[in-house]
Amino acid sequence: MTELVAISHVDVPQSEVNTLVDEAVAAGYSVALHRAGRRFLVFARSAHGAVPGTEFFRAKSYISDVVLENSLHPLGDRVRHPQGSVVEVGGVRFGGGNTVIIAGPCSAETPELLLETAAQVREAGASMLRVGVFKPRTSPYAFQGLGAGAFEALREARSRYGLPIVSEIISVSELDGLLTAVDMLQVGARNMQNYPLLSALGTCDRPVLLKRGLAATVDEWLSAAEYLMAGGNERVVLCERGIRTYERTTRFTLDLGVVPVLKGRTHLPVIVDPSHGTGRVDLVHPMSRAAVAAGADGVIVEVHPRPAQALSDGFQSLDLPGFKQLMTELEPVAQAVGRPLHTYSDLQPV
């Protein structure tokens, strides 16, 4: 039986949605009302298994979308935006037929290293800078990042080099500080199902890069994205970064097959992280090329001026000549699949 999902605008008074439910029941619909974040979702079925009439629901000013699908993820379902969504971050456009290149160090070890790397990746053509200041590490004895002490360096890098910045958030308590320093917030693999954090970012006026969990299914991943969108934040980009399997040749198993799977199921842009996905610097180049060929909206790679001296993940980080070579390799692949590289020179003021 086909089910209709009517999706409310953000912060609609419940009294109005209750009236809609009463009217729908009177019209012969079987209705269930769910509140998710700052939205209401009305699940409706018409009598005798007939396809529900969408106009009844679309006529309501407080309904933003009507989805005629048996979807577990109605907010992210591709039927809402069949052409795919475009998420803008400081002049960078995820989706819309181009390939975004995000590069930078695993962690901001020093302000000087951060600025050095930013200058070099911009020169090579990267469209965004990635850098970790809060680092959730498996071992409590590993380098955990500079924390709030890096905010000033992030602001200087953004001001001096003009690259939008994405950085990971691991706690709601860090949100206010990060908002002063970065253009996009990353939810890492270990926090993909941190629902209080997702709910907080759902009400935040900042794009979110949502990485796949270490052993998350596609449905679990898309459900995490629903938390963000239910709060009203639809500027979400998904990032495949490898999942844990029995195979130990690589750090994780990079699931490139998930790129076309997601393209068929969700309107959200999808990028790939071959650095974490393989954990091997020698595989970053071929897997980046493969990700672009598979239809990814971009790649995010770790770059360090001196990987052998890196305090975290040096074994999977490209050096600066290696990143320049990667950009050269990606350009013909991106052109061949009709998704040209979106480089620093393409940035437009917003």
C-alpha atoms as a PDB file:
ATOM      1  CA  MET A   1       0.000   0.000   0.000  1.00  0.00           C
ATOM      2  CA  THR A   2       1.412   3.363  -1.010  1.00  0.00           C
ATOM      3  CA  GLU A   3       1.971   5.800   1.819  1.00  0.00           C
ATOM      4  CA  LEU A   4       2.052   9.555   1.538  1.00  0.00           C
ATOM      5  CA  VAL A   5       4.298  11.685   3.720  1.00  0.00           C
ATOM      6  CA  ALA A   6       3.404  15.360   4.117  1.00  0.00           C
ATOM      7  CA  ILE A   7       6.353  17.352   5.482  1.00  0.00           C
ATOM      8  CA  SER A   8       5.760  20.586   7.352  1.00  0.00           C
ATOM      9  CA  HIS A   9       7.828  23.734   7.236  1.00  0.00           C
ATOM     10  CA  VAL A  10      10.120  24.316  10.207  1.00  0.00           C
ATOM     11  CA  ASP A  11       8.480  25.562  13.425  1.00  0.00           C
ATOM     12  CA  VAL A  12       4.865  25.254  12.286  1.00  0.00           C
ATOM     13  CA  PRO A  13       2.484  25.456  15.306  1.00  0.00           C
ATOM     14  CA  GLN A  14       1.253  22.011  16.280  1.00  0.00           C
ATOM     15  CA  SER A  15      -2.314  23.317  16.406  1.00  0.00           C
ATOM     16  CA  GLU A  16      -2.264  23.829  12.635  1.00  0.00           C
ATOM     17  CA  VAL A  17      -0.917  20.346  11.993  1.00  0.00           C
ATOM     18  CA  ASN A  18      -3.515  18.862  14.373  1.00  0.00           C
ATOM     19  CA  THR A  19      -6.213  20.540  12.291  1.00  0.00           C
ATOM     20  CA  LEU A  20      -4.763  18.963   9.169  1.00  0.00           C
ATOM     21  CA  VAL A  21      -4.818  15.547  10.821  1.00  0.00           C
ATOM     22  CA  ASP A  22      -8.480  15.971  11.791  1.00  0.00           C
ATOM     23  CA  GLU A  23      -9.392  17.056   8.278  1.00  0.00           C
ATOM     24  CA  ALA A  24      -7.476  14.155   6.747  1.00  0.00           C
ATOM     25  CA  VAL A  25      -9.211  11.614   8.990  1.00  0.00           C
ATOM     26  CA  ALA A  26     -12.587  13.129   8.099  1.00  0.00           C
ATOM     27  CA  ALA A  27     -11.670  12.789   4.428  1.00  0.00           C
ATOM     28  CA  GLY A  28     -11.083   9.062   4.853  1.00  0.00           C
ATOM     29  CA  TYR A  29      -7.353   8.887   5.393  1.00  0.00           C
ATOM     30  CA  SER A  30      -5.571   6.713   7.927  1.00  0.00           C
ATOM     31  CA  VAL A  31      -3.125   9.132   9.526  1.00  0.00           C
ATOM     32  CA  ALA A  32      -0.118   9.017  11.869  1.00  0.00           C
ATOM     33  CA  LEU A  33       1.536  12.213  13.065  1.00  0.00           C
ATOM     34  CA  HIS A  34       5.201  12.308  14.022  1.00  0.00           C
ATOM     35  CA  ARG A  35       7.280  15.196  15.300  1.00  0.00           C
ATOM     36  CA  ALA A  36      10.928  15.126  14.256  1.00  0.00           C
ATOM     37  CA  GLY A  37      13.118  17.977  15.410  1.00  0.00           C
ATOM     38  CA  ARG A  38      11.470  21.202  14.256  1.00  0.00           C
ATOM     39  CA  ARG A  39       9.245  19.550  11.655  1.00  0.00           C
ATOM     40  CA  PHE A  40       6.047  17.534  11.628  1.00  0.00           C
ATOM     41  CA  LEU A  41       5.613  14.571   9.319  1.00  0.00           C
ATOM     42  CA  VAL A  42       2.118  13.345   8.505  1.00  0.00           C
ATOM     43  CA  PHE A  43       2.023   9.745   7.280  1.00  0.00           C
ATOM     44  CA  ALA A  44      -1.236   9.039   5.465  1.00  0.00           C
ATOM     45  CA  ARG A  45      -2.885   6.164   3.642  1.00  0.00           C
ATOM     46  CA  SER A  46      -6.158   6.403   1.793  1.00  0.00           C
ATOM     47  CA  ALA A  47      -8.983   3.884   2.049  1.00  0.00           C
ATOM     48  CA  HIS A  48      -8.973   0.617   0.080  1.00  0.00           C
ATOM     49  CA  GLY A  49      -5.285   0.904  -0.762  1.00  0.00           C
ATOM     50  CA  ALA A  50      -5.776   3.672  -3.299  1.00  0.00           C
ATOM     51  CA  VAL A  51      -2.953   6.129  -3.922  1.00  0.00           C
ATOM     52  CA  PRO A  52      -3.479   9.127  -1.618  1.00  0.00           C
ATOM     53  CA  GLY A  53      -4.406  12.401  -3.275  1.00  0.00           C
ATOM     54  CA  THR A  54      -1.495  14.793  -2.883  1.00  0.00           C
ATOM     55  CA  GLU A  55      -3.402  18.010  -3.603  1.00  0.00           C
ATOM     56  CA  PHE A  56      -5.326  17.746  -0.330  1.00  0.00           C
ATOM     57  CA  PHE A  57      -2.027  18.094   1.531  1.00  0.00           C
ATOM     58  CA  ARG A  58      -0.196  20.412  -0.881  1.00  0.00           C
ATOM     59  CA  ALA A  59      -2.965  22.982  -0.507  1.00  0.00           C
ATOM     60  CA  LYS A  60      -1.918  23.637   3.091  1.00  0.00           C
ATOM     61  CA  SER A  61       0.433  26.609   3.381  1.00  0.00           C
ATOM     62  CA  TYR A  62       2.364  25.017   6.217  1.00  0.00           C
ATOM     63  CA  ILE A  63       3.245  21.876   4.218  1.00  0.00           C
ATOM     64  CA  SER A  64       6.558  22.187   2.357  1.00  0.00           C
ATOM     65  CA  ASP A  65       6.675  18.866   0.519  1.00  0.00           C
ATOM     66  CA  VAL A  66       4.580  15.790  -0.182  1.00  0.00           C
ATOM     67  CA  VAL A  67       6.398  12.531  -0.846  1.00  0.00           C
ATOM     68  CA  LEU A  68       4.525   9.627  -2.415  1.00  0.00           C
ATOM     69  CA  GLU A  69       6.865   6.881  -1.334  1.00  0.00           C
ATOM     70  CA  ASN A  70       7.213   4.107   1.188  1.00  0.00           C
ATOM     71  CA  SER A  71      10.438   5.766   2.291  1.00  0.00           C
ATOM     72  CA  LEU A  72      12.343   5.266   5.522  1.00  0.00           C
ATOM     73  CA  HIS A  73      14.020   8.621   4.893  1.00  0.00           C
ATOM     74  CA  PRO A  74      11.386  10.996   3.506  1.00  0.00           C
ATOM     75  CA  LEU A  75      13.388  14.185   4.042  1.00  0.00           C
ATOM     76  CA  GLY A  76      16.418  12.885   2.173  1.00  0.00           C
ATOM     77  CA  ASP A  77      14.510  10.872  -0.440  1.00  0.00           C
ATOM     78  CA  ARG A  78      15.522  11.726  -3.978  1.00  0.00           C
ATOM     79  CA  VAL A  79      11.885  12.110  -5.015  1.00  0.00           C
ATOM     80  CA  ARG A  80      11.864  15.457  -3.162  1.00  0.00           C
ATOM     81  CA  HIS A  81      14.589  16.840  -5.444  1.00  0.00           C
ATOM     82  CA  PRO A  82      14.993  14.497  -8.432  1.00  0.00           C
ATOM     83  CA  GLN A  83      17.819  16.564  -9.917  1.00  0.00           C
ATOM     84  CA  GLY A  84      19.770  16.445  -6.643  1.00  0.00           C
ATOM     85  CA  SER A  85      20.432  19.181  -4.105  1.00  0.00           C
ATOM     86  CA  VAL A  86      23.232  21.725  -4.282  1.00  0.00           C
ATOM     87  CA  VAL A  87      24.899  22.675  -0.993  1.00  0.00           C
ATOM     88  CA  GLU A  88      26.866  25.929  -1.017  1.00  0.00           C
ATOM     89  CA  VAL A  89      29.775  26.520   1.354  1.00  0.00           C
ATOM     90  CA  GLY A  90      31.495  29.866   1.022  1.00  0.00           C
ATOM     91  CA  GLY A  91      31.256  29.914  -2.762  1.00  0.00           C
ATOM     92  CA  VAL A  92      31.889  26.167  -3.175  1.00  0.00           C
ATOM     93  CA  ARG A  93      28.992  24.188  -4.644  1.00  0.00           C
ATOM     94  CA  PHE A  94      28.561  20.514  -3.755  1.00  0.00           C
ATOM     95  CA  GLY A  95      26.337  18.930  -6.382  1.00  0.00           C
ATOM     96  CA  GLY A  96      25.215  20.477  -9.627  1.00  0.00           C
ATOM     97  CA  GLY A  97      27.642  18.583 -11.824  1.00  0.00           C
ATOM     98  CA  ASN A  98      31.092  19.590 -10.571  1.00  0.00           C
ATOM     99  CA  THR A  99      33.773  17.927  -8.448  1.00  0.00           C
ATOM    100  CA  VAL A 100      34.871  19.572  -5.187  1.00  0.00           C
ATOM    101  CA  ILE A 101      38.400  18.949  -3.905  1.00  0.00           C
ATOM    102  CA  ILE A 102      38.935  19.345  -0.144  1.00  0.00           C
ATOM    103  CA  ALA A 103      42.480  19.041   1.184  1.00  0.00           C
ATOM    104  CA  GLY A 104      44.474  19.788   4.291  1.00  0.00           C
ATOM    105  CA  PRO A 105      46.202  18.289   7.314  1.00  0.00           C
ATOM    106  CA  CYS A 106      44.605  15.680   9.550  1.00  0.00           C
ATOM    107  CA  SER A 107      45.165  18.041  12.468  1.00  0.00           C
ATOM    108  CA  ALA A 108      46.275  21.603  13.062  1.00  0.00           C
ATOM    109  CA  GLU A 109      49.534  20.708  14.775  1.00  0.00           C
ATOM    110  CA  THR A 110      50.789  24.302  14.809  1.00  0.00           C
ATOM    111  CA  PRO A 111      49.437  27.562  13.376  1.00  0.00           C
ATOM    112  CA  GLU A 112      52.497  27.745  11.104  1.00  0.00           C
ATOM    113  CA  LEU A 113      51.877  24.285   9.636  1.00  0.00           C
ATOM    114  CA  LEU A 114      48.215  25.099   9.061  1.00  0.00           C
ATOM    115  CA  LEU A 115      49.026  28.278   7.132  1.00  0.00           C
ATOM    116  CA  GLU A 116      51.790  26.572   5.153  1.00  0.00           C
ATOM    117  CA  THR A 117      49.473  23.764   4.078  1.00  0.00           C
ATOM    118  CA  ALA A 118      46.609  26.126   3.256  1.00  0.00           C
ATOM    119  CA  ALA A 119      48.837  28.166   0.952  1.00  0.00           C
ATOM    120  CA  GLN A 120      50.098  25.081  -0.874  1.00  0.00           C
ATOM    121  CA  VAL A 121      46.779  23.303  -1.390  1.00  0.00           C
ATOM    122  CA  ARG A 122      45.212  26.535  -2.638  1.00  0.00           C
ATOM    123  CA  GLU A 123      48.044  26.984  -5.130  1.00  0.00           C
ATOM    124  CA  ALA A 124      47.438  23.420  -6.358  1.00  0.00           C
ATOM    125  CA  GLY A 125      43.738  24.195  -6.903  1.00  0.00           C
ATOM    126  CA  ALA A 126      41.880  22.801  -3.880  1.00  0.00           C
ATOM    127  CA  SER A 127      38.474  24.394  -3.383  1.00  0.00           C
ATOM    128  CA  MET A 128      38.260  23.889   0.406  1.00  0.00           C
ATOM    129  CA  LEU A 129      40.582  23.388   3.360  1.00  0.00           C
ATOM    130  CA  ARG A 130      40.072  20.525   5.800  1.00  0.00           C
ATOM    131  CA  VAL A 131      41.740  20.585   9.195  1.00  0.00           C
ATOM    132  CA  GLY A 132      41.053  18.900  12.526  1.00  0.00           C
ATOM    133  CA  VAL A 133      41.285  20.879  15.745  1.00  0.00           C
ATOM    134  CA  PHE A 134      39.311  18.438  17.913  1.00  0.00           C
ATOM    135  CA  LYS A 135      40.570  14.910  17.242  1.00  0.00           C
ATOM    136  CA  PRO A 136      38.696  11.888  18.625  1.00  0.00           C
ATOM    137  CA  ARG A 137      41.440   9.268  18.834  1.00  0.00           C
ATOM    138  CA  THR A 138      41.261   5.571  19.657  1.00  0.00           C
ATOM    139  CA  SER A 139      44.091   5.865  22.170  1.00  0.00           C
ATOM    140  CA  PRO A 140      43.845   8.418  24.984  1.00  0.00           C
ATOM    141  CA  TYR A 141      47.597   8.942  24.618  1.00  0.00           C
ATOM    142  CA  ALA A 142      47.461  10.008  20.970  1.00  0.00           C
ATOM    143  CA  PHE A 143      47.547  13.660  19.876  1.00  0.00           C
ATOM    144  CA  GLN A 144      44.058  15.084  20.373  1.00  0.00           C
ATOM    145  CA  GLY A 145      44.458  18.329  18.413  1.00  0.00           C
ATOM    146  CA  LEU A 146      44.965  21.924  19.497  1.00  0.00           C
ATOM    147  CA  GLY A 147      41.302  22.441  20.331  1.00  0.00           C
ATOM    148  CA  ALA A 148      40.049  25.981  20.768  1.00  0.00           C
ATOM    149  CA  GLY A 149      43.633  27.206  20.641  1.00  0.00           C
ATOM    150  CA  ALA A 150      43.543  26.733  16.862  1.00  0.00           C
ATOM    151  CA  PHE A 151      40.542  28.986  16.219  1.00  0.00           C
ATOM    152  CA  GLU A 152      42.617  32.106  15.600  1.00  0.00           C
ATOM    153  CA  ALA A 153      44.837  30.266  13.114  1.00  0.00           C
ATOM    154  CA  LEU A 154      41.755  28.969  11.296  1.00  0.00           C
ATOM    155  CA  ARG A 155      40.393  32.491  11.001  1.00  0.00           C
ATOM    156  CA  GLU A 156      43.739  33.733   9.710  1.00  0.00           C
ATOM    157  CA  ALA A 157      43.965  30.936   7.138  1.00  0.00           C
ATOM    158  CA  ARG A 158      40.471  31.690   5.866  1.00  0.00           C
ATOM    159  CA  SER A 159      41.164  35.417   5.690  1.00  0.00           C
ATOM    160  CA  ARG A 160      44.594  35.108   4.081  1.00  0.00           C
ATOM    161  CA  TYR A 161      43.892  32.392   1.528  1.00  0.00           C
ATOM    162  CA  GLY A 162      40.140  32.608   0.925  1.00  0.00           C
ATOM    163  CA  LEU A 163      39.447  28.893   1.213  1.00  0.00           C
ATOM    164  CA  PRO A 164      36.279  27.819   3.042  1.00  0.00           C
ATOM    165  CA  ILE A 165      37.169  25.549   5.973  1.00  0.00           C
ATOM    166  CA  VAL A 166      35.602  22.319   7.213  1.00  0.00           C
ATOM    167  CA  SER A 167      36.489  20.948  10.646  1.00  0.00           C
ATOM    168  CA  GLU A 168      35.132  18.232  12.899  1.00  0.00           C
ATOM    169  CA  ILE A 169      32.899  18.883  15.878  1.00  0.00           C
ATOM    170  CA  ILE A 170      32.735  16.223  18.594  1.00  0.00           C
ATOM    171  CA  SER A 171      30.647  17.966  21.246  1.00  0.00           C
ATOM    172  CA  VAL A 172      27.831  20.492  21.377  1.00  0.00           C
ATOM    173  CA  SER A 173      29.973  22.509  23.806  1.00  0.00           C
ATOM    174  CA  GLU A 174      32.398  23.323  20.953  1.00  0.00           C
ATOM    175  CA  LEU A 175      29.741  24.685  18.611  1.00  0.00           C
ATOM    176  CA  ASP A 176      29.857  28.397  19.414  1.00  0.00           C
ATOM    177  CA  GLY A 177      33.634  28.546  19.080  1.00  0.00           C
ATOM    178  CA  LEU A 178      33.778  26.610  15.829  1.00  0.00           C
ATOM    179  CA  LEU A 179      31.112  28.803  14.273  1.00  0.00           C
ATOM    180  CA  THR A 180      33.527  31.732  14.504  1.00  0.00           C
ATOM    181  CA  ALA A 181      36.257  29.885  12.646  1.00  0.00           C
ATOM    182  CA  VAL A 182      34.860  27.423  10.084  1.00  0.00           C
ATOM    183  CA  ASP A 183      32.402  27.403   7.199  1.00  0.00           C
ATOM    184  CA  MET A 184      31.281  23.767   7.439  1.00  0.00           C
ATOM    185  CA  LEU A 185      30.982  21.413  10.395  1.00  0.00           C
ATOM    186  CA  GLN A 186      32.055  17.790  10.043  1.00  0.00           C
ATOM    187  CA  VAL A 187      30.395  14.981  11.972  1.00  0.00           C
ATOM    188  CA  GLY A 188      32.980  12.220  12.053  1.00  0.00           C
ATOM    189  CA  ALA A 189      32.431   8.490  11.800  1.00  0.00           C
ATOM    190  CA  ARG A 190      32.490   7.990  15.560  1.00  0.00           C
ATOM    191  CA  ASN A 191      29.713  10.548  16.042  1.00  0.00           C
ATOM    192  CA  MET A 192      27.424   9.611  13.161  1.00  0.00           C
ATOM    193  CA  GLN A 193      24.879   8.294  15.668  1.00  0.00           C
ATOM    194  CA  ASN A 194      25.485  10.935  18.332  1.00  0.00           C
ATOM    195  CA  TYR A 195      21.853  12.023  18.216  1.00  0.00           C
ATOM    196  CA  PRO A 196      22.089  14.977  20.637  1.00  0.00           C
ATOM    197  CA  LEU A 197      24.914  16.383  18.495  1.00  0.00           C
ATOM    198  CA  LEU A 198      22.978  15.776  15.260  1.00  0.00           C
ATOM    199  CA  SER A 199      19.879  17.418  16.718  1.00  0.00           C
ATOM    200  CA  ALA A 200      21.896  20.475  17.759  1.00  0.00           C
ATOM    201  CA  LEU A 201      23.442  20.804  14.298  1.00  0.00           C
ATOM    202  CA  GLY A 202      19.973  20.449  12.797  1.00  0.00           C
ATOM    203  CA  THR A 203      19.095  23.842  14.239  1.00  0.00           C
ATOM    204  CA  CYS A 204      22.447  25.385  13.286  1.00  0.00           C
ATOM    205  CA  ASP A 205      22.805  27.716  10.327  1.00  0.00           C
ATOM    206  CA  ARG A 206      25.916  26.023   8.972  1.00  0.00           C
ATOM    207  CA  PRO A 207      26.385  23.220   6.386  1.00  0.00           C
ATOM    208  CA  VAL A 208      27.274  19.771   7.736  1.00  0.00           C
ATOM    209  CA  LEU A 209      29.571  17.110   6.305  1.00  0.00           C
ATOM    210  CA  LEU A 210      28.216  13.802   7.631  1.00  0.00           C
ATOM    211  CA  LYS A 211      30.675  10.914   7.504  1.00  0.00           C
ATOM    212  CA  ARG A 212      29.540   7.301   7.447  1.00  0.00           C
ATOM    213  CA  GLY A 213      30.021   5.396  10.698  1.00  0.00           C
ATOM    214  CA  LEU A 214      32.697   2.727  11.062  1.00  0.00           C
ATOM    215  CA  ALA A 215      30.180  -0.090  10.563  1.00  0.00           C
ATOM    216  CA  ALA A 216      27.041   1.801   9.548  1.00  0.00           C
ATOM    217  CA  THR A 217      24.581   0.531   6.991  1.00  0.00           C
ATOM    218  CA  VAL A 218      23.284   2.886   4.326  1.00  0.00           C
ATOM    219  CA  ASP A 219      19.923   3.069   6.095  1.00  0.00           C
ATOM    220  CA  GLU A 220      21.580   3.999   9.398  1.00  0.00           C
ATOM    221  CA  TRP A 221      23.622   6.658   7.651  1.00  0.00           C
ATOM    222  CA  LEU A 222      20.599   8.156   5.909  1.00  0.00           C
ATOM    223  CA  SER A 223      18.674   8.073   9.182  1.00  0.00           C
ATOM    224  CA  ALA A 224      21.437  10.146  10.773  1.00  0.00           C
ATOM    225  CA  ALA A 225      20.997  12.677   7.967  1.00  0.00           C
ATOM    226  CA  GLU A 226      17.266  12.767   8.754  1.00  0.00           C
ATOM    227  CA  TYR A 227      18.082  14.039  12.250  1.00  0.00           C
ATOM    228  CA  LEU A 228      19.864  17.022  10.703  1.00  0.00           C
ATOM    229  CA  MET A 229      17.130  17.755   8.190  1.00  0.00           C
ATOM    230  CA  ALA A 230      14.336  17.255  10.713  1.00  0.00           C
ATOM    231  CA  GLY A 231      15.830  20.151  12.646  1.00  0.00           C
ATOM    232  CA  GLY A 232      15.624  22.329   9.548  1.00  0.00           C
ATOM    233  CA  ASN A 233      19.205  22.052   8.292  1.00  0.00           C
ATOM    234  CA  GLU A 234      19.074  20.602   4.782  1.00  0.00           C
ATOM    235  CA  ARG A 235      22.594  21.699   3.841  1.00  0.00           C
ATOM    236  CA  VAL A 236      23.987  18.206   4.346  1.00  0.00           C
ATOM    237  CA  VAL A 237      26.764  16.495   2.390  1.00  0.00           C
ATOM    238  CA  LEU A 238      27.386  12.763   2.868  1.00  0.00           C
ATOM    239  CA  CYS A 239      30.942  11.394   3.003  1.00  0.00           C
ATOM    240  CA  GLU A 240      31.876   7.755   2.411  1.00  0.00           C
ATOM    241  CA  ARG A 241      35.076   7.085   4.410  1.00  0.00           C
ATOM    242  CA  GLY A 242      35.283   3.314   4.480  1.00  0.00           C
ATOM    243  CA  ILE A 243      33.666   0.720   6.726  1.00  0.00           C
ATOM    244  CA  ARG A 244      35.181  -1.917   8.979  1.00  0.00           C
ATOM    245  CA  THR A 245      35.174  -5.417   7.503  1.00  0.00           C
ATOM    246  CA  TYR A 246      37.222  -8.585   7.948  1.00  0.00           C
ATOM    247  CA  GLU A 247      39.809  -7.341   5.408  1.00  0.00           C
ATOM    248  CA  ARG A 248      43.015  -5.993   6.972  1.00  0.00           C
ATOM    249  CA  THR A 249      44.983  -5.133   3.822  1.00  0.00           C
ATOM    250  CA  THR A 250      43.598  -1.623   4.060  1.00  0.00           C
ATOM    251  CA  ARG A 251      42.665   0.370   7.153  1.00  0.00           C
ATOM    252  CA  PHE A 252      38.983   0.205   6.160  1.00  0.00           C
ATOM    253  CA  THR A 253      37.080  -1.105   3.159  1.00  0.00           C
ATOM    254  CA  LEU A 254      36.249   1.852   0.916  1.00  0.00           C
ATOM    255  CA  ASP A 255      32.741   1.221  -0.386  1.00  0.00           C
ATOM    256  CA  LEU A 256      32.686   3.044  -3.719  1.00  0.00           C
ATOM    257  CA  GLY A 257      29.598   1.098  -4.752  1.00  0.00           C
ATOM    258  CA  VAL A 258      27.684   3.181  -2.247  1.00  0.00           C
ATOM    259  CA  VAL A 259      28.122   6.306  -4.400  1.00  0.00           C
ATOM    260  CA  PRO A 260      25.689   5.246  -7.172  1.00  0.00           C
ATOM    261  CA  VAL A 261      23.468   3.598  -4.544  1.00  0.00           C
ATOM    262  CA  LEU A 262      23.108   6.913  -2.723  1.00  0.00           C
ATOM    263  CA  LYS A 263      22.643   8.813  -5.968  1.00  0.00           C
ATOM    264  CA  GLY A 264      19.579   6.671  -6.586  1.00  0.00           C
ATOM    265  CA  ARG A 265      18.164   7.041  -3.078  1.00  0.00           C
ATOM    266  CA  THR A 266      18.918  10.546  -1.837  1.00  0.00           C
ATOM    267  CA  HIS A 267      19.101  14.065  -3.203  1.00  0.00           C
ATOM    268  CA  LEU A 268      22.039  14.902  -0.913  1.00  0.00           C
ATOM    269  CA  PRO A 269      25.517  15.395  -2.432  1.00  0.00           C
ATOM    270  CA  VAL A 270      28.023  12.585  -1.831  1.00  0.00           C
ATOM    271  CA  ILE A 271      31.813  12.828  -1.513  1.00  0.00           C
ATOM    272  CA  VAL A 272      34.520  10.238  -0.769  1.00  0.00           C
ATOM    273  CA  ASP A 273      37.455  10.183   1.668  1.00  0.00           C
ATOM    274  CA  PRO A 274      40.110   7.834   0.229  1.00  0.00           C
ATOM    275  CA  SER A 275      42.660   8.801   2.899  1.00  0.00           C
ATOM    276  CA  HIS A 276      40.694   7.316   5.807  1.00  0.00           C
ATOM    277  CA  GLY A 277      38.986   4.806   3.546  1.00  0.00           C
ATOM    278  CA  THR A 278      42.243   3.019   2.720  1.00  0.00           C
ATOM    279  CA  GLY A 279      44.757   4.284   5.281  1.00  0.00           C
ATOM    280  CA  ARG A 280      47.454   3.939   2.639  1.00  0.00           C
ATOM    281  CA  VAL A 281      48.963   6.890   0.832  1.00  0.00           C
ATOM    282  CA  ASP A 282      49.744   4.726  -2.223  1.00  0.00           C
ATOM    283  CA  LEU A 283      46.012   4.064  -2.671  1.00  0.00           C
ATOM    284  CA  VAL A 284      44.804   7.652  -2.354  1.00  0.00           C
ATOM    285  CA  HIS A 285      45.473   8.460  -6.013  1.00  0.00           C
ATOM    286  CA  PRO A 286      43.741   5.467  -7.635  1.00  0.00           C
ATOM    287  CA  MET A 287      40.783   5.526  -5.238  1.00  0.00           C
ATOM    288  CA  SER A 288      40.316   9.278  -5.746  1.00  0.00           C
ATOM    289  CA  ARG A 289      40.182   8.718  -9.494  1.00  0.00           C
ATOM    290  CA  ALA A 290      37.750   5.855  -8.998  1.00  0.00           C
ATOM    291  CA  ALA A 291      35.527   7.946  -6.720  1.00  0.00           C
ATOM    292  CA  VAL A 292      35.227  10.684  -9.329  1.00  0.00           C
ATOM    293  CA  ALA A 293      34.552   8.116 -12.038  1.00  0.00           C
ATOM    294  CA  ALA A 294      31.820   6.575  -9.870  1.00  0.00           C
ATOM    295  CA  GLY A 295      29.998   9.920  -9.767  1.00  0.00           C
ATOM    296  CA  ALA A 296      31.069  11.375  -6.414  1.00  0.00           C
ATOM    297  CA  ASP A 297      30.529  15.105  -5.986  1.00  0.00           C
ATOM    298  CA  GLY A 298      34.039  15.456  -4.598  1.00  0.00           C
ATOM    299  CA  VAL A 299      36.895  13.968  -2.622  1.00  0.00           C
ATOM    300  CA  ILE A 300      38.461  14.957   0.694  1.00  0.00           C
ATOM    301  CA  VAL A 301      42.123  14.040   1.186  1.00  0.00           C
ATOM    302  CA  GLU A 302      44.706  14.554   3.889  1.00  0.00           C
ATOM    303  CA  VAL A 303      47.757  16.592   2.903  1.00  0.00           C
ATOM    304  CA  HIS A 304      50.786  17.378   5.071  1.00  0.00           C
ATOM    305  CA  PRO A 305      54.008  19.183   4.095  1.00  0.00           C
ATOM    306  CA  ARG A 306      56.066  16.514   5.883  1.00  0.00           C
ATOM    307  CA  PRO A 307      53.949  13.381   6.417  1.00  0.00           C
ATOM    308  CA  ALA A 308      56.747  11.475   8.158  1.00  0.00           C
ATOM    309  CA  GLN A 309      56.651  14.076  10.959  1.00  0.00           C
ATOM    310  CA  ALA A 310      52.863  14.308  11.239  1.00  0.00           C
ATOM    311  CA  LEU A 311      51.368  13.878  14.708  1.00  0.00           C
ATOM    312  CA  SER A 312      48.371  11.986  13.300  1.00  0.00           C
ATOM    313  CA  ASP A 313      47.718   9.893  10.189  1.00  0.00           C
ATOM    314  CA  GLY A 314      50.965  10.698   8.403  1.00  0.00           C
ATOM    315  CA  PHE A 315      50.947   7.239   6.806  1.00  0.00           C
ATOM    316  CA  GLN A 316      47.849   8.125   4.768  1.00  0.00           C
ATOM    317  CA  SER A 317      48.659  11.777   4.036  1.00  0.00           C
ATOM    318  CA  LEU A 318      49.859  13.038   0.687  1.00  0.00           C
ATOM    319  CA  ASP A 319      52.823  15.372   0.631  1.00  0.00           C
ATOM    320  CA  LEU A 320      52.442  18.608  -1.323  1.00  0.00           C
ATOM    321  CA  PRO A 321      53.998  17.333  -4.588  1.00  0.00           C
ATOM    322  CA  GLY A 322      51.767  14.276  -4.304  1.00  0.00           C
ATOM    323  CA  PHE A 323      48.677  16.456  -3.967  1.00  0.00           C
ATOM    324  CA  LYS A 324      49.647  18.531  -6.986  1.00  0.00           C
ATOM    325  CA  GLN A 325      50.050  15.308  -8.945  1.00  0.00           C
ATOM    326  CA  LEU A 326      46.623  14.136  -7.756  1.00  0.00           C
ATOM    327  CA  MET A 327      45.001  17.317  -9.054  1.00  0.00           C
ATOM    328  CA  THR A 328      46.643  16.714 -12.425  1.00  0.00           C
ATOM    329  CA  GLU A 329      45.360  13.127 -12.493  1.00  0.00           C
ATOM    330  CA  LEU A 330      41.813  13.999 -11.471  1.00  0.00           C
ATOM    331  CA  GLU A 331      41.202  16.654 -14.095  1.00  0.00           C
ATOM    332  CA  PRO A 332      40.887  14.330 -17.141  1.00  0.00           C
ATOM    333  CA  VAL A 333      38.770  11.839 -15.166  1.00  0.00           C
ATOM    334  CA  ALA A 334      36.397  14.580 -14.042  1.00  0.00           C
ATOM    335  CA  GLN A 335      36.149  15.948 -17.579  1.00  0.00           C
ATOM    336  CA  ALA A 336      35.517  12.464 -18.984  1.00  0.00           C
ATOM    337  CA  VAL A 337      32.489  11.920 -16.742  1.00  0.00           C
ATOM    338  CA  GLY A 338      31.189  15.451 -17.264  1.00  0.00           C
ATOM    339  CA  ARG A 339      31.940  16.659 -13.730  1.00  0.00           C
ATOM    340  CA  PRO A 340      34.758  19.231 -14.042  1.00  0.00           C
ATOM    341  CA  LEU A 341      36.925  20.090 -11.068  1.00  0.00           C
ATOM    342  CA  HIS A 342      35.700  22.966  -8.904  1.00  0.00           C
ATOM    343  CA  THR A 343      39.010  24.624  -7.984  1.00  0.00           C
ATOM    344  CA  TYR A 344      40.062  27.680  -6.018  1.00  0.00           C
ATOM    345  CA  SER A 345      39.972  29.817  -9.174  1.00  0.00           C
ATOM    346  CA  ASP A 346      36.270  28.998  -9.535  1.00  0.00           C
ATOM    347  CA  LEU A 347      35.290  30.393  -6.133  1.00  0.00           C
ATOM    348  CA  GLN A 348      32.757  33.177  -6.289  1.00  0.00           C
ATOM    349  CA  PRO A 349      31.889  35.588  -3.468  1.00  0.00           C
ATOM    350  CA  VAL A 350      28.579  34.803  -1.764  1.00  0.00           C
END
